[in-house]
Amino acid sequence: MKNITITEKVFVEVLETTAFLFAEPVDRHELENLGHENFFITYITFSGDVNGNLFILLSRETAHQLAVNMMGLDDDEEVDNSYIEDAAMELANMVCGKVVTANFGKEKLYDISIPLINSGKEDIFDQIYNDENTIYFSIDGRPALVNIKF
């Protein structure tokens, strides 16, 4: 259970400090009837003294707001889809590094892969949504899911 508490804290802090977005942990039942079509799925792996993977599922609206805020743009400015994907991948990179370090210390050696985007694949969405390790968040009323396994 320790990694869930740390993961919650890190996810909230990274969003606040890098993008001025505010995430609040919620119960899974508060996010029922979600569809995979409206999500960016970001995936990153790590290996070495510590092995595992991290998935972050953000609504497309949240991913857009993340990119706008990270780039310092106005809310109504157009943002190319590649910048939105880059922002989501950078979020995964920062969260992964901080969660692994917070759980295992700085002395452990591990390599982090390049984050990947998988836009709304139903099988992956369902797997993460139903996994007991998934943490559910609300970001400005929109859902986000974080799943990390060591």
N, C-alpha and C. Protein backbone atom coordinates (compact mmCIF):
# COMPACT_ATOMS: atom_id res chain seq x y z
N MET A 1 0.81 -1.19 0.00
CA MET A 1 0.00 0.00 0.00
C MET A 1 0.86 1.26 0.00
N LYS A 2 2.11 1.14 0.44
CA LYS A 2 2.99 2.30 0.54
C LYS A 2 3.14 3.03 -0.80
N ASN A 3 3.31 2.29 -1.90
CA ASN A 3 3.52 2.95 -3.19
C ASN A 3 2.31 3.73 -3.65
N ILE A 4 1.10 3.33 -3.25
CA ILE A 4 -0.09 4.07 -3.65
C ILE A 4 -0.10 5.44 -2.99
N THR A 5 0.19 5.51 -1.71
CA THR A 5 0.22 6.79 -1.01
C THR A 5 1.28 7.71 -1.61
N ILE A 6 2.44 7.19 -1.85
CA ILE A 6 3.51 7.99 -2.47
C ILE A 6 3.12 8.41 -3.88
N THR A 7 2.55 7.50 -4.64
CA THR A 7 2.15 7.81 -6.01
C THR A 7 1.10 8.91 -6.02
N GLU A 8 0.12 8.82 -5.15
CA GLU A 8 -0.90 9.88 -5.05
C GLU A 8 -0.24 11.23 -4.79
N LYS A 9 0.62 11.27 -3.82
CA LYS A 9 1.29 12.52 -3.43
C LYS A 9 2.12 13.07 -4.59
N VAL A 10 2.92 12.23 -5.21
CA VAL A 10 3.79 12.67 -6.30
C VAL A 10 2.96 13.17 -7.48
N PHE A 11 1.93 12.43 -7.88
CA PHE A 11 1.10 12.84 -9.01
C PHE A 11 0.49 14.21 -8.77
N VAL A 12 -0.08 14.41 -7.60
CA VAL A 12 -0.70 15.70 -7.25
C VAL A 12 0.34 16.81 -7.29
N GLU A 13 1.51 16.58 -6.68
CA GLU A 13 2.55 17.61 -6.62
C GLU A 13 3.10 17.95 -8.00
N VAL A 14 3.35 16.94 -8.83
CA VAL A 14 3.90 17.20 -10.16
C VAL A 14 2.90 18.00 -10.99
N LEU A 15 1.64 17.63 -10.95
CA LEU A 15 0.64 18.40 -11.70
C LEU A 15 0.57 19.85 -11.22
N GLU A 16 0.58 20.05 -9.91
CA GLU A 16 0.48 21.40 -9.37
C GLU A 16 1.69 22.25 -9.73
N THR A 17 2.88 21.70 -9.58
CA THR A 17 4.09 22.50 -9.78
C THR A 17 4.45 22.71 -11.24
N THR A 18 4.09 21.78 -12.11
CA THR A 18 4.49 21.92 -13.52
C THR A 18 3.39 22.49 -14.40
N ALA A 19 2.13 22.33 -13.99
CA ALA A 19 1.05 22.71 -14.90
C ALA A 19 -0.10 23.45 -14.21
N PHE A 20 0.04 23.72 -12.93
CA PHE A 20 -1.01 24.43 -12.20
C PHE A 20 -2.36 23.73 -12.35
N LEU A 21 -2.34 22.41 -12.38
CA LEU A 21 -3.55 21.60 -12.40
C LEU A 21 -3.67 20.92 -11.04
N PHE A 22 -4.90 20.75 -10.60
CA PHE A 22 -5.12 20.25 -9.25
C PHE A 22 -5.91 18.94 -9.30
N ALA A 23 -5.24 17.88 -8.87
CA ALA A 23 -5.82 16.55 -8.87
C ALA A 23 -6.27 16.19 -7.46
N GLU A 24 -7.41 15.53 -7.41
CA GLU A 24 -7.94 15.07 -6.14
C GLU A 24 -8.25 13.58 -6.26
N PRO A 25 -7.69 12.75 -5.37
CA PRO A 25 -8.02 11.32 -5.41
C PRO A 25 -9.52 11.13 -5.17
N VAL A 26 -10.10 10.20 -5.92
CA VAL A 26 -11.52 9.88 -5.78
C VAL A 26 -11.67 8.37 -5.77
N ASP A 27 -12.83 7.91 -5.32
CA ASP A 27 -13.14 6.49 -5.37
C ASP A 27 -13.48 6.08 -6.80
N ARG A 28 -13.19 4.86 -7.12
CA ARG A 28 -13.44 4.35 -8.47
C ARG A 28 -14.90 4.53 -8.88
N HIS A 29 -15.81 4.29 -7.96
CA HIS A 29 -17.23 4.36 -8.32
C HIS A 29 -17.66 5.76 -8.76
N GLU A 30 -16.87 6.77 -8.41
CA GLU A 30 -17.18 8.13 -8.85
C GLU A 30 -16.85 8.34 -10.33
N LEU A 31 -16.13 7.41 -10.93
CA LEU A 31 -15.71 7.54 -12.32
C LEU A 31 -16.30 6.43 -13.20
N GLU A 32 -17.44 5.92 -12.84
CA GLU A 32 -18.06 4.85 -13.62
C GLU A 32 -18.52 5.36 -14.98
N ASN A 33 -18.71 4.41 -15.88
CA ASN A 33 -19.19 4.68 -17.23
C ASN A 33 -18.21 5.50 -18.07
N LEU A 34 -16.94 5.29 -17.84
CA LEU A 34 -15.92 5.97 -18.66
C LEU A 34 -15.69 5.15 -19.92
N GLY A 35 -15.42 5.85 -21.00
CA GLY A 35 -15.09 5.17 -22.25
C GLY A 35 -13.65 5.42 -22.62
N HIS A 36 -13.05 4.46 -23.28
CA HIS A 36 -11.64 4.56 -23.67
C HIS A 36 -11.41 5.62 -24.75
N GLU A 37 -12.44 6.01 -25.47
CA GLU A 37 -12.28 6.88 -26.62
C GLU A 37 -11.76 8.27 -26.27
N ASN A 38 -11.99 8.71 -25.06
CA ASN A 38 -11.67 10.09 -24.69
C ASN A 38 -10.38 10.19 -23.87
N PHE A 39 -9.51 9.19 -23.96
CA PHE A 39 -8.31 9.20 -23.13
C PHE A 39 -7.02 9.12 -23.93
N PHE A 40 -6.01 9.82 -23.41
CA PHE A 40 -4.63 9.60 -23.81
C PHE A 40 -4.07 8.63 -22.79
N ILE A 41 -3.46 7.57 -23.26
CA ILE A 41 -2.82 6.61 -22.37
C ILE A 41 -1.32 6.75 -22.56
N THR A 42 -0.64 7.13 -21.49
CA THR A 42 0.80 7.29 -21.50
C THR A 42 1.42 6.12 -20.74
N TYR A 43 2.46 5.55 -21.30
CA TYR A 43 3.08 4.34 -20.75
C TYR A 43 4.58 4.53 -20.69
N ILE A 44 5.17 4.11 -19.56
CA ILE A 44 6.62 4.19 -19.41
C ILE A 44 7.06 2.99 -18.58
N THR A 45 8.23 2.45 -18.89
CA THR A 45 8.77 1.33 -18.13
C THR A 45 10.08 1.75 -17.48
N PHE A 46 10.46 1.00 -16.46
CA PHE A 46 11.75 1.23 -15.82
C PHE A 46 12.33 -0.13 -15.44
N SER A 47 13.66 -0.23 -15.52
CA SER A 47 14.32 -1.50 -15.23
C SER A 47 15.69 -1.24 -14.62
N GLY A 48 16.20 -2.25 -13.96
CA GLY A 48 17.48 -2.17 -13.28
C GLY A 48 17.32 -2.77 -11.89
N ASP A 49 17.78 -2.07 -10.85
CA ASP A 49 17.57 -2.54 -9.48
C ASP A 49 16.08 -2.56 -9.15
N VAL A 50 15.33 -1.74 -9.86
CA VAL A 50 13.88 -1.67 -9.70
C VAL A 50 13.27 -1.84 -11.09
N ASN A 51 12.28 -2.71 -11.21
CA ASN A 51 11.61 -2.96 -12.48
C ASN A 51 10.12 -2.69 -12.35
N GLY A 52 9.53 -2.16 -13.41
CA GLY A 52 8.09 -1.97 -13.39
C GLY A 52 7.62 -1.11 -14.54
N ASN A 53 6.37 -0.66 -14.41
CA ASN A 53 5.81 0.22 -15.43
C ASN A 53 4.79 1.15 -14.81
N LEU A 54 4.55 2.22 -15.52
CA LEU A 54 3.60 3.25 -15.09
C LEU A 54 2.69 3.59 -16.26
N PHE A 55 1.41 3.63 -15.99
CA PHE A 55 0.42 4.11 -16.95
C PHE A 55 -0.24 5.34 -16.36
N ILE A 56 -0.41 6.36 -17.17
CA ILE A 56 -1.23 7.51 -16.79
C ILE A 56 -2.26 7.69 -17.89
N LEU A 57 -3.53 7.71 -17.49
CA LEU A 57 -4.62 7.92 -18.41
C LEU A 57 -5.23 9.29 -18.12
N LEU A 58 -5.16 10.17 -19.09
CA LEU A 58 -5.71 11.52 -18.96
C LEU A 58 -6.81 11.72 -19.99
N SER A 59 -7.84 12.42 -19.58
CA SER A 59 -8.85 12.78 -20.58
C SER A 59 -8.18 13.69 -21.60
N ARG A 60 -8.71 13.70 -22.79
CA ARG A 60 -8.14 14.56 -23.85
C ARG A 60 -8.19 16.03 -23.43
N GLU A 61 -9.24 16.43 -22.72
CA GLU A 61 -9.36 17.82 -22.27
C GLU A 61 -8.27 18.15 -21.25
N THR A 62 -8.01 17.22 -20.33
CA THR A 62 -6.96 17.44 -19.35
C THR A 62 -5.59 17.46 -20.01
N ALA A 63 -5.35 16.57 -20.95
CA ALA A 63 -4.08 16.55 -21.67
C ALA A 63 -3.87 17.87 -22.42
N HIS A 64 -4.93 18.39 -23.01
CA HIS A 64 -4.85 19.68 -23.70
C HIS A 64 -4.51 20.78 -22.70
N GLN A 65 -5.19 20.81 -21.56
CA GLN A 65 -4.93 21.84 -20.55
C GLN A 65 -3.52 21.70 -19.99
N LEU A 66 -3.05 20.48 -19.83
CA LEU A 66 -1.68 20.24 -19.38
C LEU A 66 -0.69 20.89 -20.34
N ALA A 67 -0.87 20.66 -21.64
CA ALA A 67 0.03 21.24 -22.64
C ALA A 67 -0.04 22.76 -22.63
N VAL A 68 -1.24 23.31 -22.58
CA VAL A 68 -1.42 24.77 -22.56
C VAL A 68 -0.69 25.37 -21.36
N ASN A 69 -0.89 24.78 -20.20
CA ASN A 69 -0.28 25.32 -18.99
C ASN A 69 1.24 25.15 -18.98
N MET A 70 1.72 24.01 -19.44
CA MET A 70 3.17 23.79 -19.45
C MET A 70 3.87 24.72 -20.44
N MET A 71 3.17 25.07 -21.52
CA MET A 71 3.76 25.94 -22.54
C MET A 71 3.49 27.43 -22.26
N GLY A 72 2.70 27.72 -21.25
CA GLY A 72 2.40 29.10 -20.91
C GLY A 72 1.51 29.80 -21.93
N LEU A 73 0.59 29.07 -22.54
CA LEU A 73 -0.30 29.62 -23.55
C LEU A 73 -1.62 30.05 -22.91
N ASP A 74 -2.40 30.82 -23.66
CA ASP A 74 -3.75 31.15 -23.24
C ASP A 74 -4.65 29.94 -23.49
N ASP A 75 -5.68 29.81 -22.68
CA ASP A 75 -6.58 28.65 -22.79
C ASP A 75 -7.20 28.49 -24.16
N ASP A 76 -7.43 29.59 -24.86
CA ASP A 76 -8.11 29.50 -26.15
C ASP A 76 -7.17 29.33 -27.34
N GLU A 77 -5.86 29.26 -27.09
CA GLU A 77 -4.90 29.09 -28.18
C GLU A 77 -4.92 27.64 -28.68
N GLU A 78 -4.77 27.52 -30.00
CA GLU A 78 -4.68 26.20 -30.61
C GLU A 78 -3.36 25.54 -30.21
N VAL A 79 -3.44 24.24 -29.95
CA VAL A 79 -2.25 23.48 -29.60
C VAL A 79 -2.22 22.25 -30.49
N ASP A 80 -1.12 22.07 -31.19
CA ASP A 80 -0.95 20.91 -32.05
C ASP A 80 -1.00 19.63 -31.22
N ASN A 81 -1.58 18.58 -31.78
CA ASN A 81 -1.71 17.32 -31.07
C ASN A 81 -0.36 16.77 -30.60
N SER A 82 0.70 17.01 -31.35
CA SER A 82 2.02 16.50 -30.95
C SER A 82 2.49 17.15 -29.65
N TYR A 83 2.14 18.43 -29.42
CA TYR A 83 2.51 19.09 -28.17
C TYR A 83 1.70 18.53 -27.00
N ILE A 84 0.46 18.18 -27.26
CA ILE A 84 -0.38 17.58 -26.23
C ILE A 84 0.19 16.23 -25.83
N GLU A 85 0.57 15.44 -26.81
CA GLU A 85 1.18 14.14 -26.52
C GLU A 85 2.50 14.31 -25.78
N ASP A 86 3.32 15.28 -26.21
CA ASP A 86 4.60 15.53 -25.54
C ASP A 86 4.39 15.91 -24.08
N ALA A 87 3.40 16.73 -23.79
CA ALA A 87 3.12 17.14 -22.41
C ALA A 87 2.72 15.94 -21.57
N ALA A 88 1.86 15.07 -22.11
CA ALA A 88 1.43 13.88 -21.38
C ALA A 88 2.62 12.94 -21.13
N MET A 89 3.48 12.80 -22.12
CA MET A 89 4.66 11.94 -21.95
C MET A 89 5.63 12.52 -20.94
N GLU A 90 5.80 13.83 -20.94
CA GLU A 90 6.68 14.46 -19.96
C GLU A 90 6.13 14.30 -18.56
N LEU A 91 4.82 14.40 -18.40
CA LEU A 91 4.21 14.16 -17.10
C LEU A 91 4.54 12.75 -16.62
N ALA A 92 4.39 11.76 -17.48
CA ALA A 92 4.71 10.38 -17.10
C ALA A 92 6.17 10.23 -16.71
N ASN A 93 7.05 10.88 -17.44
CA ASN A 93 8.48 10.83 -17.14
C ASN A 93 8.78 11.39 -15.75
N MET A 94 8.21 12.55 -15.46
CA MET A 94 8.45 13.19 -14.15
C MET A 94 7.85 12.37 -13.01
N VAL A 95 6.62 11.92 -13.19
CA VAL A 95 5.97 11.14 -12.13
C VAL A 95 6.72 9.84 -11.89
N CYS A 96 7.10 9.15 -12.94
CA CYS A 96 7.81 7.88 -12.79
C CYS A 96 9.12 8.05 -12.02
N GLY A 97 9.93 9.01 -12.45
CA GLY A 97 11.22 9.23 -11.78
C GLY A 97 11.05 9.57 -10.31
N LYS A 98 10.09 10.41 -10.01
CA LYS A 98 9.88 10.81 -8.61
C LYS A 98 9.29 9.69 -7.76
N VAL A 99 8.37 8.90 -8.33
CA VAL A 99 7.77 7.81 -7.57
C VAL A 99 8.81 6.73 -7.27
N VAL A 100 9.58 6.35 -8.26
CA VAL A 100 10.59 5.31 -8.04
C VAL A 100 11.63 5.78 -7.02
N THR A 101 12.08 7.01 -7.15
CA THR A 101 13.06 7.55 -6.20
C THR A 101 12.48 7.64 -4.79
N ALA A 102 11.25 8.10 -4.67
CA ALA A 102 10.61 8.22 -3.36
C ALA A 102 10.40 6.85 -2.71
N ASN A 103 10.13 5.83 -3.49
CA ASN A 103 9.90 4.49 -2.95
C ASN A 103 11.19 3.75 -2.62
N PHE A 104 12.23 3.94 -3.43
CA PHE A 104 13.41 3.09 -3.30
C PHE A 104 14.71 3.85 -3.03
N GLY A 105 14.68 5.16 -3.04
CA GLY A 105 15.86 5.95 -2.75
C GLY A 105 16.67 6.27 -3.99
N LYS A 106 17.58 7.18 -3.83
CA LYS A 106 18.40 7.64 -4.95
C LYS A 106 19.56 6.70 -5.26
N GLU A 107 19.85 5.79 -4.35
CA GLU A 107 20.99 4.90 -4.56
C GLU A 107 20.68 3.74 -5.50
N LYS A 108 19.41 3.46 -5.74
CA LYS A 108 19.04 2.40 -6.68
C LYS A 108 19.29 2.87 -8.11
N LEU A 109 19.76 1.93 -8.93
CA LEU A 109 20.00 2.23 -10.33
C LEU A 109 18.87 1.67 -11.17
N TYR A 110 18.35 2.49 -12.04
CA TYR A 110 17.31 2.04 -12.95
C TYR A 110 17.32 2.92 -14.19
N ASP A 111 16.86 2.36 -15.27
CA ASP A 111 16.73 3.09 -16.52
C ASP A 111 15.25 3.27 -16.79
N ILE A 112 14.90 4.47 -17.22
CA ILE A 112 13.51 4.77 -17.59
C ILE A 112 13.43 4.80 -19.10
N SER A 113 12.43 4.12 -19.64
CA SER A 113 12.24 4.11 -21.09
C SER A 113 11.70 5.45 -21.57
N ILE A 114 11.65 5.60 -22.85
CA ILE A 114 11.00 6.77 -23.44
C ILE A 114 9.50 6.56 -23.28
N PRO A 115 8.78 7.56 -22.79
CA PRO A 115 7.32 7.40 -22.65
C PRO A 115 6.66 7.25 -24.02
N LEU A 116 5.58 6.49 -24.05
CA LEU A 116 4.83 6.27 -25.27
C LEU A 116 3.38 6.69 -25.05
N ILE A 117 2.73 7.06 -26.14
CA ILE A 117 1.30 7.39 -26.11
C ILE A 117 0.54 6.31 -26.85
N ASN A 118 -0.55 5.91 -26.27
CA ASN A 118 -1.43 4.93 -26.89
C ASN A 118 -2.84 5.49 -26.75
N SER A 119 -3.33 6.18 -27.74
CA SER A 119 -4.60 6.88 -27.63
C SER A 119 -5.78 5.92 -27.55
N GLY A 120 -6.29 5.79 -26.35
CA GLY A 120 -7.56 5.16 -26.11
C GLY A 120 -7.78 3.74 -26.58
N LYS A 121 -6.81 2.87 -26.46
CA LYS A 121 -7.03 1.47 -26.83
C LYS A 121 -7.90 0.81 -25.76
N GLU A 122 -8.99 0.22 -26.20
CA GLU A 122 -10.00 -0.30 -25.27
C GLU A 122 -9.45 -1.36 -24.33
N ASP A 123 -8.64 -2.31 -24.82
CA ASP A 123 -8.15 -3.39 -23.96
C ASP A 123 -7.23 -2.85 -22.87
N ILE A 124 -6.38 -1.90 -23.21
CA ILE A 124 -5.48 -1.31 -22.21
C ILE A 124 -6.28 -0.48 -21.22
N PHE A 125 -7.21 0.31 -21.72
CA PHE A 125 -8.05 1.11 -20.84
C PHE A 125 -8.77 0.23 -19.83
N ASP A 126 -9.42 -0.82 -20.30
CA ASP A 126 -10.17 -1.71 -19.42
C ASP A 126 -9.25 -2.37 -18.39
N GLN A 127 -8.08 -2.79 -18.82
CA GLN A 127 -7.12 -3.44 -17.92
C GLN A 127 -6.72 -2.49 -16.80
N ILE A 128 -6.37 -1.25 -17.14
CA ILE A 128 -5.95 -0.27 -16.13
C ILE A 128 -7.12 0.14 -15.25
N TYR A 129 -8.27 0.40 -15.87
CA TYR A 129 -9.45 0.83 -15.11
C TYR A 129 -9.83 -0.20 -14.04
N ASN A 130 -9.68 -1.48 -14.36
CA ASN A 130 -10.09 -2.54 -13.44
C ASN A 130 -8.97 -3.08 -12.55
N ASP A 131 -7.77 -2.57 -12.67
CA ASP A 131 -6.63 -3.06 -11.89
C ASP A 131 -6.70 -2.54 -10.46
N GLU A 132 -6.42 -3.41 -9.51
CA GLU A 132 -6.46 -3.02 -8.10
C GLU A 132 -5.39 -2.01 -7.71
N ASN A 133 -4.34 -1.87 -8.52
CA ASN A 133 -3.28 -0.90 -8.24
C ASN A 133 -3.58 0.50 -8.79
N THR A 134 -4.66 0.65 -9.51
CA THR A 134 -4.98 1.93 -10.13
C THR A 134 -5.48 2.92 -9.09
N ILE A 135 -5.01 4.15 -9.23
CA ILE A 135 -5.46 5.25 -8.39
C ILE A 135 -6.29 6.16 -9.29
N TYR A 136 -7.43 6.57 -8.80
CA TYR A 136 -8.38 7.36 -9.57
C TYR A 136 -8.36 8.80 -9.07
N PHE A 137 -8.35 9.74 -10.02
CA PHE A 137 -8.30 11.16 -9.68
C PHE A 137 -9.37 11.92 -10.45
N SER A 138 -9.69 13.07 -9.91
CA SER A 138 -10.49 14.05 -10.62
C SER A 138 -9.61 15.29 -10.78
N ILE A 139 -9.50 15.78 -12.00
CA ILE A 139 -8.74 16.99 -12.29
C ILE A 139 -9.72 17.97 -12.92
N ASP A 140 -10.10 18.98 -12.18
CA ASP A 140 -11.12 19.93 -12.64
C ASP A 140 -12.37 19.21 -13.12
N GLY A 141 -12.78 18.19 -12.38
CA GLY A 141 -13.99 17.45 -12.71
C GLY A 141 -13.83 16.40 -13.81
N ARG A 142 -12.61 16.25 -14.32
CA ARG A 142 -12.36 15.27 -15.36
C ARG A 142 -11.53 14.12 -14.80
N PRO A 143 -11.75 12.90 -15.28
CA PRO A 143 -11.07 11.74 -14.71
C PRO A 143 -9.62 11.60 -15.17
N ALA A 144 -8.83 11.04 -14.29
CA ALA A 144 -7.45 10.64 -14.61
C ALA A 144 -7.16 9.38 -13.80
N LEU A 145 -6.39 8.47 -14.38
CA LEU A 145 -6.04 7.23 -13.72
C LEU A 145 -4.53 7.07 -13.75
N VAL A 146 -3.99 6.59 -12.63
CA VAL A 146 -2.55 6.33 -12.53
C VAL A 146 -2.38 4.90 -12.01
N ASN A 147 -1.51 4.15 -12.70
CA ASN A 147 -1.27 2.77 -12.32
C ASN A 147 0.23 2.53 -12.39
N ILE A 148 0.81 2.11 -11.27
CA ILE A 148 2.23 1.77 -11.26
C ILE A 148 2.40 0.42 -10.61
N LYS A 149 3.28 -0.39 -11.20
CA LYS A 149 3.60 -1.71 -10.66
C LYS A 149 5.11 -1.83 -10.59
N PHE A 150 5.56 -2.39 -9.49
CA PHE A 150 6.99 -2.63 -9.29
C PHE A 150 7.28 -4.10 -9.38
